[in-house]
Amino acid sequence: MSNLLASLVSSAGALNAYDRVLEASQNNVTNASTPGYVRQRLQLQALTFDPGGVRVGDLQSARNEYAERAVRRQNVGLGREQQNVSSMSSLESLFDISGTSGIPKALNLLNQAFSAWGASPGNVAGRQAVILQAGNTAQAFQQVAAGLDTLAEDTNNQLRDTVKQINLLVGELHGYNTEALKGNGGSPGLDAQIHAKLEELSQYVDFTATEQPDHTVTVLLNGQVPLLIEDKQFPLSTGVQNVDAATAAFPNAPPLAYVRAADGTAITGQVTDGQLGALIAFRNQTLPTYMGDTSQPGDVNRMAKAFADRVNGILTSGEVSAGPPPVNGSPLFVYDATDDNNVAATLQVDPAFTSDQLGATAPGPPPVSNGIPLALSALASPTLDADKIDGVSFSEFFGALAANAGSGLEDATTGQQVQQSLVGQAKVLRQQLSGISLDEEATLLIQFQRGYQAVSKYITVLDTLTQSVIDILR
């Protein structure tokens, strides 16, 4: 009789164990598409000296931290390349080399005006056309400069938004740490939330995340700067640097961006990856080569200054009248000569300039009545070093700026495609190691449902036998 009762108790325990296993499997199926959730398994342990008896062991997670880190690492690269594509697309749009708009079109039309003036040096309409096209050329430089300023400001805004988003995501992780410290750590739900948030954070910045024995997560930017430790968050900040006028070569230049740790320490140089790293590199390295910074005037300003100075130099070398005394031509372009970072933005035709100040005669000897227009026309295909910038024509120089922007965009686009593939591969590996297979769960459900049914039938038999024994003993 005692053996029958013991068997009943053992079978009831087995039913409870199978029920718990089925519950865990059902939970896997329910959360198969939940971000951050991984496969959970309840292990069954055989009872000593009890054939067929089992008990439930610990709930074990299939999470593979190596696979998680691999996904986050590739996600950091994807965030970087996606931001590079966005930034370089905006930059490339400012440098149209088709000749149908912008500086290339303006230079082409101005060259045509120079040529037409050379064909008829005394024609008033031809002179007016030169002034008109010169104004359009100056305006084209102004538009590029304004576009670069806008792009710089947009990048600054993106930096602020990105840092704000990083702090927000770390704040949510801080909340999960607080829950863990209350004794709720280690649960599959909280674990899934933490890892999903870490993966979301990885597109913005490179970091290391370490789970502590109390189930809190420690997050360090670039493995060094603390963002989160237990229940303490360390928010980042960003802004633009103050310029030291005493040491800066160009004190009026647009200031560069910075990122600071919670204690105020400058960590800009440590932010090198993810969306934040790409924004910093674009704002502090790429844009200054075009628009200038405290150490350089920028190539657009250099081109504007060189072009204006060369045109003015040729014009002032010519004569409006041979005299006596001879009257030389006047400079056509004016700009802010006190700030090399501000040339393109301020370039314009002298408001006081009139068509009769255009001197067409090159004094020689011998004098050439249309020598100045011819010299100006030669700027399109220069042979003299004085007519070039960095050894090439002004159009070729602008083309090189556009080519650099285009090349940067092409590299970023290729990098984005590569990173998308790498992220996909890392996620496939993670899925293989710790993901949920609905087929596997279905097989497990069938297996333990049949086991449950078998034990139930066994209990029914035991119940019948027990009742028969009781009836015999009456």
Protein backbone atom coordinates (compact mmCIF):
# COMPACT_ATOMS: atom_id res chain seq x y z
CA MET A 1 0.00 0.00 0.00
CA SER A 2 2.80 2.40 0.90
CA ASN A 3 4.50 1.74 -2.44
CA LEU A 4 1.29 2.64 -4.26
CA LEU A 5 0.94 5.90 -2.35
CA ALA A 6 4.61 6.74 -2.91
CA SER A 7 4.17 6.10 -6.61
CA LEU A 8 1.16 8.41 -6.64
CA VAL A 9 3.18 11.16 -4.96
CA SER A 10 6.10 10.62 -7.35
CA SER A 11 3.79 10.69 -10.37
CA ALA A 12 2.13 13.88 -9.15
CA GLY A 13 5.58 15.45 -8.87
CA ALA A 14 6.36 14.36 -12.42
CA LEU A 15 3.12 15.93 -13.65
CA ASN A 16 4.08 19.19 -11.96
CA ALA A 17 7.57 19.05 -13.50
CA TYR A 18 6.19 18.40 -16.99
CA ASP A 19 3.69 21.21 -16.52
CA ARG A 20 6.52 23.62 -15.64
CA VAL A 21 8.54 22.53 -18.69
CA LEU A 22 5.50 23.01 -20.93
CA GLU A 23 4.94 26.44 -19.40
CA ALA A 24 8.54 27.46 -20.17
CA SER A 25 8.23 26.20 -23.75
CA GLN A 26 4.93 28.01 -24.20
CA ASN A 27 6.59 31.18 -22.91
CA ASN A 28 9.31 30.74 -25.55
CA VAL A 29 6.72 30.49 -28.30
CA THR A 30 4.85 33.55 -27.02
CA ASN A 31 8.04 35.66 -26.91
CA ALA A 32 9.62 34.34 -30.11
CA SER A 33 9.48 37.83 -31.66
CA THR A 34 10.12 39.83 -28.47
CA PRO A 35 13.31 41.95 -28.86
CA GLY A 36 16.12 40.68 -26.65
CA TYR A 37 14.36 37.49 -25.59
CA VAL A 38 16.28 34.21 -25.87
CA ARG A 39 15.37 30.57 -25.43
CA GLN A 40 14.71 29.42 -21.84
CA ARG A 41 14.85 25.80 -20.67
CA LEU A 42 13.85 24.09 -17.43
CA GLN A 43 16.12 21.18 -16.69
CA LEU A 44 14.63 17.98 -15.22
CA GLN A 45 16.59 16.12 -12.59
CA ALA A 46 16.06 12.46 -11.69
CA LEU A 47 15.13 11.74 -8.08
CA THR A 48 17.52 9.48 -6.20
CA PHE A 49 16.15 5.98 -5.48
CA ASP A 50 12.92 6.81 -7.26
CA PRO A 51 12.75 5.25 -10.71
CA GLY A 52 10.74 7.52 -12.97
CA GLY A 53 10.65 10.33 -10.43
CA VAL A 54 11.81 13.79 -11.56
CA ARG A 55 11.98 17.28 -10.20
CA VAL A 56 12.39 20.68 -11.81
CA GLY A 57 15.87 22.19 -11.87
CA ASP A 58 16.89 25.81 -12.51
CA LEU A 59 15.59 27.81 -15.45
CA GLN A 60 18.54 28.16 -17.83
CA SER A 61 18.96 30.85 -20.45
CA ALA A 62 20.48 30.08 -23.84
CA ARG A 63 21.87 33.60 -24.15
CA ASN A 64 25.36 33.68 -25.61
CA GLU A 65 27.13 36.87 -24.56
CA TYR A 66 29.76 36.47 -27.27
CA ALA A 67 27.03 36.47 -29.91
CA GLU A 68 25.36 39.47 -28.26
CA ARG A 69 28.61 41.44 -28.29
CA ALA A 70 29.19 40.48 -31.94
CA VAL A 71 25.80 41.89 -32.93
CA ARG A 72 26.41 45.10 -30.98
CA ARG A 73 29.91 45.49 -32.44
CA GLN A 74 28.63 45.26 -36.01
CA ASN A 75 25.69 47.51 -35.14
CA VAL A 76 28.15 50.19 -34.05
CA GLY A 77 29.73 50.07 -37.49
CA LEU A 78 26.34 50.20 -39.19
CA GLY A 79 25.36 53.29 -37.21
CA ARG A 80 28.63 54.93 -38.25
CA GLU A 81 28.20 54.18 -41.95
CA GLN A 82 24.53 55.15 -42.02
CA GLN A 83 25.42 58.53 -40.55
CA ASN A 84 28.30 58.91 -43.00
CA VAL A 85 25.92 58.30 -45.91
CA SER A 86 23.52 60.93 -44.58
CA SER A 87 26.24 63.51 -43.91
CA MET A 88 28.14 63.00 -47.16
CA SER A 89 24.91 63.09 -49.19
CA SER A 90 24.18 66.54 -47.78
CA LEU A 91 27.74 67.69 -48.50
CA GLU A 92 27.80 66.32 -52.03
CA SER A 93 24.58 68.18 -52.88
CA LEU A 94 26.44 71.48 -52.42
CA PHE A 95 29.00 70.62 -55.11
CA ASP A 96 27.19 70.08 -58.40
CA ILE A 97 29.69 69.50 -61.21
CA SER A 98 27.13 69.03 -63.98
CA GLY A 99 27.64 72.65 -65.07
CA THR A 100 23.91 73.36 -64.89
CA SER A 101 23.98 75.13 -61.53
CA GLY A 102 26.19 76.54 -58.82
CA ILE A 103 29.79 77.65 -59.14
CA PRO A 104 30.65 75.64 -62.30
CA LYS A 105 27.76 77.20 -64.22
CA ALA A 106 28.61 80.68 -62.90
CA LEU A 107 32.28 80.34 -63.89
CA ASN A 108 31.30 79.12 -67.35
CA LEU A 109 28.90 82.01 -67.94
CA LEU A 110 31.43 84.52 -66.62
CA ASN A 111 34.05 83.14 -69.01
CA GLN A 112 31.57 83.53 -71.88
CA ALA A 113 31.00 87.14 -70.82
CA PHE A 114 34.76 87.75 -70.79
CA SER A 115 35.03 86.31 -74.30
CA ALA A 116 32.11 88.40 -75.61
CA TRP A 117 33.66 91.52 -74.08
CA GLY A 118 36.97 90.68 -75.75
CA ALA A 119 35.25 90.47 -79.14
CA SER A 120 33.86 93.98 -78.66
CA PRO A 121 35.80 95.80 -75.91
CA GLY A 122 33.86 99.05 -76.20
CA ASN A 123 30.38 97.50 -76.21
CA VAL A 124 28.42 98.73 -73.15
CA ALA A 125 26.12 95.70 -73.12
CA GLY A 126 29.15 93.40 -73.11
CA ARG A 127 30.63 95.25 -70.16
CA GLN A 128 27.33 95.09 -68.28
CA ALA A 129 27.18 91.33 -68.95
CA VAL A 130 30.60 90.93 -67.32
CA ILE A 131 29.40 92.73 -64.18
CA LEU A 132 26.17 90.71 -64.12
CA GLN A 133 27.91 87.36 -64.43
CA ALA A 134 30.55 88.38 -61.91
CA GLY A 135 27.72 89.10 -59.47
CA ASN A 136 26.21 85.70 -60.20
CA THR A 137 29.58 84.05 -59.58
CA ALA A 138 29.93 85.82 -56.24
CA GLN A 139 26.41 84.75 -55.35
CA ALA A 140 27.24 81.13 -56.21
CA PHE A 141 30.15 81.22 -53.75
CA GLN A 142 27.87 82.78 -51.14
CA GLN A 143 25.33 80.00 -51.62
CA VAL A 144 27.94 77.28 -51.11
CA ALA A 145 29.24 79.06 -48.01
CA ALA A 146 25.71 79.40 -46.66
CA GLY A 147 25.06 75.74 -47.41
CA LEU A 148 28.17 74.72 -45.50
CA ASP A 149 27.15 76.91 -42.55
CA THR A 150 23.70 75.33 -42.54
CA LEU A 151 25.18 71.85 -42.76
CA ALA A 152 27.49 72.62 -39.84
CA GLU A 153 24.58 73.87 -37.74
CA ASP A 154 22.47 70.85 -38.70
CA THR A 155 25.33 68.59 -37.65
CA ASN A 156 25.59 70.41 -34.32
CA ASN A 157 21.87 69.84 -33.80
CA GLN A 158 22.24 66.18 -34.70
CA LEU A 159 25.04 65.89 -32.17
CA ARG A 160 22.82 67.32 -29.45
CA ASP A 161 19.95 65.02 -30.42
CA THR A 162 22.23 61.98 -30.53
CA VAL A 163 23.73 62.69 -27.11
CA LYS A 164 20.22 63.25 -25.77
CA GLN A 165 19.13 59.88 -27.19
CA ILE A 166 22.18 58.15 -25.70
CA ASN A 167 21.41 59.61 -22.29
CA LEU A 168 17.77 58.57 -22.66
CA LEU A 169 18.64 54.95 -23.50
CA VAL A 170 21.18 54.76 -20.66
CA GLY A 171 18.46 56.20 -18.43
CA GLU A 172 16.19 53.29 -19.32
CA LEU A 173 19.02 50.87 -18.53
CA HIS A 174 19.39 52.69 -15.24
CA GLY A 175 15.77 51.86 -14.51
CA TYR A 176 16.40 48.19 -15.23
CA ASN A 177 19.41 48.25 -12.91
CA THR A 178 17.19 49.70 -10.19
CA GLU A 179 14.77 46.81 -10.66
CA ALA A 180 17.63 44.32 -10.47
CA LEU A 181 18.87 45.86 -7.22
CA LYS A 182 15.38 45.37 -5.78
CA GLY A 183 15.80 41.64 -6.26
CA ASN A 184 14.10 41.27 -9.63
CA GLY A 185 17.31 40.65 -11.57
CA GLY A 186 17.83 37.52 -13.57
CA SER A 187 14.24 37.19 -14.77
CA PRO A 188 13.91 36.40 -18.49
CA GLY A 189 11.74 39.47 -19.04
CA LEU A 190 14.15 41.94 -17.44
CA ASP A 191 17.11 40.25 -19.12
CA ALA A 192 15.41 40.63 -22.51
CA GLN A 193 14.70 44.33 -21.90
CA ILE A 194 18.31 45.01 -20.93
CA HIS A 195 19.79 43.31 -23.99
CA ALA A 196 17.27 44.87 -26.37
CA LYS A 197 18.15 48.31 -25.01
CA LEU A 198 21.89 47.64 -25.26
CA GLU A 199 21.45 46.66 -28.91
CA GLU A 200 19.49 49.86 -29.56
CA LEU A 201 22.21 51.90 -27.85
CA SER A 202 24.96 50.30 -29.94
CA GLN A 203 23.99 52.13 -33.13
CA TYR A 204 24.84 55.44 -31.48
CA VAL A 205 28.12 54.84 -29.67
CA ASP A 206 30.78 52.20 -29.04
CA PHE A 207 30.69 50.80 -25.50
CA THR A 208 31.35 47.75 -23.39
CA ALA A 209 28.56 46.25 -21.28
CA THR A 210 29.28 43.88 -18.41
CA GLU A 211 26.67 42.05 -16.33
CA GLN A 212 27.50 42.11 -12.62
CA PRO A 213 26.75 39.35 -10.07
CA ASP A 214 23.73 41.34 -8.84
CA HIS A 215 22.38 41.28 -12.42
CA THR A 216 22.98 45.00 -12.98
CA VAL A 217 24.80 46.04 -16.14
CA THR A 218 27.83 48.33 -16.27
CA VAL A 219 28.18 50.43 -19.43
CA LEU A 220 31.47 52.14 -20.33
CA LEU A 221 31.83 54.33 -23.42
CA ASN A 222 34.77 53.05 -25.48
CA GLY A 223 35.55 50.76 -22.56
CA GLN A 224 36.73 53.71 -20.44
CA VAL A 225 34.19 56.46 -19.77
CA PRO A 226 31.41 55.39 -17.36
CA LEU A 227 27.85 55.83 -18.58
CA LEU A 228 26.14 53.52 -16.07
CA ILE A 229 27.33 51.77 -12.91
CA GLU A 230 24.71 50.05 -10.73
CA ASP A 231 22.12 52.75 -9.92
CA LYS A 232 24.29 55.69 -11.00
CA GLN A 233 24.01 57.24 -14.46
CA PHE A 234 26.71 59.48 -15.92
CA PRO A 235 25.17 61.59 -18.72
CA LEU A 236 27.16 62.98 -21.64
CA SER A 237 27.00 66.57 -22.89
CA THR A 238 27.91 68.27 -26.16
CA GLY A 239 28.37 71.78 -27.52
CA VAL A 240 30.83 73.94 -29.44
CA GLN A 241 34.28 74.93 -28.20
CA ASN A 242 35.18 78.44 -27.18
CA VAL A 243 37.88 79.83 -29.46
CA ASP A 244 41.10 81.11 -27.92
CA ALA A 245 41.68 84.26 -29.95
CA ALA A 246 45.24 84.51 -28.68
CA THR A 247 46.35 81.19 -30.14
CA ALA A 248 43.94 80.52 -33.01
CA ALA A 249 45.20 81.32 -36.51
CA PHE A 250 41.62 82.18 -37.51
CA PRO A 251 39.80 83.26 -34.35
CA ASN A 252 36.57 84.15 -36.17
CA ALA A 253 36.20 80.70 -37.69
CA PRO A 254 33.25 78.42 -36.84
CA PRO A 255 34.07 76.60 -33.57
CA LEU A 256 34.43 72.82 -33.50
CA ALA A 257 32.17 70.47 -31.55
CA TYR A 258 33.00 68.66 -28.32
CA VAL A 259 31.65 65.83 -26.17
CA ARG A 260 32.15 65.84 -22.41
CA ALA A 261 31.77 63.18 -19.75
CA ALA A 262 29.56 63.70 -16.72
CA ASP A 263 32.46 65.20 -14.74
CA GLY A 264 33.17 67.76 -17.48
CA THR A 265 36.20 65.97 -18.92
CA ALA A 266 36.58 66.44 -22.68
CA ILE A 267 36.28 63.02 -24.34
CA THR A 268 35.81 64.10 -27.97
CA GLY A 269 38.89 62.17 -29.06
CA GLN A 270 37.56 58.97 -27.49
CA VAL A 271 34.28 59.08 -29.43
CA THR A 272 35.34 57.44 -32.67
CA ASP A 273 32.57 55.06 -33.69
CA GLY A 274 28.85 54.68 -34.05
CA GLN A 275 26.56 57.51 -35.13
CA LEU A 276 28.05 59.88 -32.55
CA GLY A 277 31.61 59.18 -33.70
CA ALA A 278 30.64 59.73 -37.34
CA LEU A 279 29.00 63.07 -36.51
CA ILE A 280 32.06 64.25 -34.58
CA ALA A 281 34.42 63.24 -37.41
CA PHE A 282 32.24 64.93 -40.03
CA ARG A 283 31.86 68.15 -38.02
CA ASN A 284 35.45 68.46 -36.81
CA GLN A 285 37.42 66.92 -39.67
CA THR A 286 35.50 66.76 -42.95
CA LEU A 287 33.60 70.05 -42.93
CA PRO A 288 36.58 72.22 -41.90
CA THR A 289 38.49 71.23 -45.03
CA TYR A 290 35.71 72.93 -47.02
CA MET A 291 34.57 75.79 -44.78
CA GLY A 292 37.58 76.29 -42.51
CA ASP A 293 38.19 76.27 -38.78
CA THR A 294 40.51 77.97 -36.33
CA SER A 295 43.57 76.48 -38.04
CA GLN A 296 42.66 76.71 -41.76
CA PRO A 297 40.57 78.92 -44.07
CA GLY A 298 38.89 76.04 -45.90
CA ASP A 299 39.15 75.22 -49.61
CA VAL A 300 35.98 77.08 -50.65
CA ASN A 301 37.31 80.27 -49.07
CA ARG A 302 40.75 79.72 -50.59
CA MET A 303 39.21 79.31 -54.03
CA ALA A 304 37.00 82.38 -53.65
CA LYS A 305 39.93 84.53 -52.51
CA ALA A 306 42.32 83.29 -55.19
CA PHE A 307 39.74 83.77 -57.94
CA ALA A 308 38.69 87.24 -56.82
CA ASP A 309 42.29 88.37 -56.35
CA ARG A 310 43.35 87.07 -59.77
CA VAL A 311 40.42 88.70 -61.59
CA ASN A 312 41.03 91.96 -59.72
CA GLY A 313 44.74 91.77 -60.46
CA ILE A 314 44.19 91.33 -64.20
CA LEU A 315 41.59 94.13 -64.31
CA THR A 316 43.75 96.62 -62.43
CA SER A 317 46.67 95.88 -64.76
CA GLY A 318 44.59 97.07 -67.71
CA GLU A 319 43.83 100.61 -68.84
CA VAL A 320 40.51 102.34 -69.23
CA SER A 321 42.34 105.18 -70.95
CA ALA A 322 45.90 105.57 -72.21
CA GLY A 323 45.86 109.18 -71.00
CA PRO A 324 47.94 111.02 -70.48
CA PRO A 325 47.93 110.22 -67.69
CA PRO A 326 46.83 106.59 -68.14
CA VAL A 327 43.78 105.45 -66.12
CA ASN A 328 43.93 101.89 -64.87
CA GLY A 329 40.95 99.61 -64.39
CA SER A 330 39.40 99.11 -60.98
CA PRO A 331 39.01 95.90 -58.93
CA LEU A 332 35.68 94.20 -59.57
CA PHE A 333 35.30 91.97 -56.48
CA VAL A 334 35.33 92.89 -52.81
CA TYR A 335 35.19 90.66 -49.72
CA ASP A 336 35.98 90.65 -46.01
CA ALA A 337 39.76 90.96 -46.19
CA THR A 338 40.10 90.72 -42.40
CA ASP A 339 38.91 87.12 -42.14
CA ASP A 340 40.04 84.39 -44.55
CA ASN A 341 37.28 82.13 -43.19
CA ASN A 342 34.67 84.60 -44.38
CA VAL A 343 35.73 85.24 -47.99
CA ALA A 344 33.18 83.09 -49.81
CA ALA A 345 30.31 84.28 -47.62
CA THR A 346 31.11 87.97 -48.23
CA LEU A 347 32.33 87.86 -51.84
CA GLN A 348 30.45 90.34 -54.07
CA VAL A 349 30.86 92.80 -56.89
CA ASP A 350 31.87 96.21 -55.56
CA PRO A 351 28.51 98.03 -55.24
CA ALA A 352 30.18 101.23 -56.53
CA PHE A 353 31.64 99.52 -59.60
CA THR A 354 30.47 100.79 -63.00
CA SER A 355 30.99 99.43 -66.49
CA ASP A 356 33.30 102.29 -67.50
CA GLN A 357 35.80 101.09 -64.86
CA LEU A 358 36.49 97.94 -66.89
CA GLY A 359 39.83 98.51 -68.56
CA ALA A 360 40.11 96.35 -71.70
CA THR A 361 43.54 97.48 -72.91
CA ALA A 362 46.64 95.60 -71.86
CA PRO A 363 49.37 98.33 -71.87
CA GLY A 364 52.04 95.99 -73.21
CA PRO A 365 54.27 96.86 -74.90
CA PRO A 366 52.83 96.58 -77.35
CA PRO A 367 49.36 97.65 -76.17
CA VAL A 368 46.53 95.21 -76.96
CA SER A 369 43.05 96.75 -77.06
CA ASN A 370 41.32 93.58 -75.85
CA GLY A 371 44.27 92.10 -73.91
CA ILE A 372 42.50 92.17 -70.53
CA PRO A 373 39.36 90.24 -71.65
CA LEU A 374 41.64 87.73 -73.35
CA ALA A 375 43.68 87.30 -70.15
CA LEU A 376 40.47 86.83 -68.16
CA SER A 377 39.16 84.29 -70.67
CA ALA A 378 42.40 82.31 -70.26
CA LEU A 379 41.41 81.54 -66.65
CA ALA A 380 39.17 78.78 -68.00
CA SER A 381 42.17 76.88 -69.42
CA PRO A 382 45.20 78.47 -67.78
CA THR A 383 48.81 78.07 -68.82
CA LEU A 384 50.30 80.57 -66.38
CA ASP A 385 50.86 79.50 -62.76
CA ALA A 386 49.37 82.81 -61.64
CA ASP A 387 46.05 81.79 -63.22
CA LYS A 388 45.90 78.53 -61.25
CA ILE A 389 45.18 77.40 -57.72
CA ASP A 390 47.21 74.48 -56.39
CA GLY A 391 48.48 73.91 -59.92
CA VAL A 392 45.05 73.49 -61.57
CA SER A 393 42.34 75.71 -63.00
CA PHE A 394 39.60 77.06 -60.76
CA SER A 395 37.06 74.77 -62.38
CA GLU A 396 39.30 71.76 -61.85
CA PHE A 397 39.89 72.77 -58.24
CA PHE A 398 36.14 72.93 -57.64
CA GLY A 399 35.79 69.58 -59.40
CA ALA A 400 38.31 68.08 -56.99
CA LEU A 401 36.26 69.33 -54.03
CA ALA A 402 33.17 67.75 -55.54
CA ALA A 403 35.07 64.53 -56.29
CA ASN A 404 36.22 64.28 -52.68
CA ALA A 405 32.64 64.65 -51.47
CA GLY A 406 31.43 62.09 -54.01
CA SER A 407 34.19 59.66 -53.12
CA GLY A 408 33.35 60.00 -49.44
CA LEU A 409 29.70 59.27 -50.18
CA GLU A 410 30.61 56.24 -52.31
CA ASP A 411 32.86 54.86 -49.56
CA ALA A 412 30.13 55.40 -46.99
CA THR A 413 27.52 53.70 -49.18
CA THR A 414 29.78 50.71 -49.72
CA GLY A 415 30.58 50.61 -46.01
CA GLN A 416 26.89 50.70 -45.16
CA GLN A 417 26.18 47.74 -47.43
CA VAL A 418 29.06 45.77 -45.90
CA GLN A 419 27.93 46.56 -42.36
CA GLN A 420 24.34 45.58 -43.13
CA SER A 421 25.63 42.22 -44.28
CA LEU A 422 27.83 41.83 -41.18
CA VAL A 423 24.97 42.73 -38.86
CA GLY A 424 22.78 40.18 -40.62
CA GLN A 425 25.43 37.47 -40.26
CA ALA A 426 25.93 38.27 -36.56
CA LYS A 427 22.19 38.08 -35.93
CA VAL A 428 21.94 34.74 -37.74
CA LEU A 429 24.74 33.35 -35.56
CA ARG A 430 23.01 34.66 -32.44
CA GLN A 431 19.74 33.10 -33.56
CA GLN A 432 21.44 29.75 -34.08
CA LEU A 433 23.04 29.85 -30.63
CA SER A 434 20.26 31.26 -28.50
CA GLY A 435 17.24 32.00 -30.64
CA ILE A 436 13.87 30.27 -30.51
CA SER A 437 13.03 27.62 -33.09
CA LEU A 438 9.29 27.16 -33.35
CA ASP A 439 9.86 23.70 -34.83
CA GLU A 440 11.99 22.71 -31.85
CA GLU A 441 9.45 24.11 -29.42
CA ALA A 442 6.63 22.25 -31.18
CA THR A 443 8.56 18.99 -30.90
CA LEU A 444 9.23 19.65 -27.23
CA LEU A 445 5.58 20.44 -26.58
CA ILE A 446 4.48 17.20 -28.22
CA GLN A 447 7.10 15.22 -26.31
CA PHE A 448 6.12 16.48 -22.89
CA GLN A 449 2.41 16.52 -23.64
CA ARG A 450 2.64 12.81 -24.39
CA GLY A 451 4.73 12.31 -21.28
CA TYR A 452 2.13 14.23 -19.31
CA GLN A 453 -0.61 12.05 -20.79
CA ALA A 454 1.36 8.86 -20.01
CA VAL A 455 1.87 9.86 -16.38
CA SER A 456 -1.81 10.79 -16.13
CA LYS A 457 -2.79 7.31 -17.33
CA TYR A 458 -0.28 5.82 -14.89
CA ILE A 459 -1.91 7.78 -12.07
CA THR A 460 -5.31 6.50 -13.18
CA VAL A 461 -4.03 2.92 -12.98
CA LEU A 462 -2.49 3.58 -9.57
CA ASP A 463 -5.74 5.12 -8.41
CA THR A 464 -7.66 2.01 -9.53
CA LEU A 465 -5.16 -0.30 -7.82
CA THR A 466 -5.24 1.75 -4.63
CA GLN A 467 -9.02 1.66 -4.58
CA SER A 468 -8.97 -2.12 -5.14
CA VAL A 469 -6.53 -2.60 -2.26
CA ILE A 470 -8.70 -0.47 -0.03
CA ASP A 471 -11.76 -2.50 -0.98
CA ILE A 472 -9.92 -5.77 -0.21
CA LEU A 473 -8.81 -4.49 3.18
CA ARG A 474 -12.36 -3.56 4.22
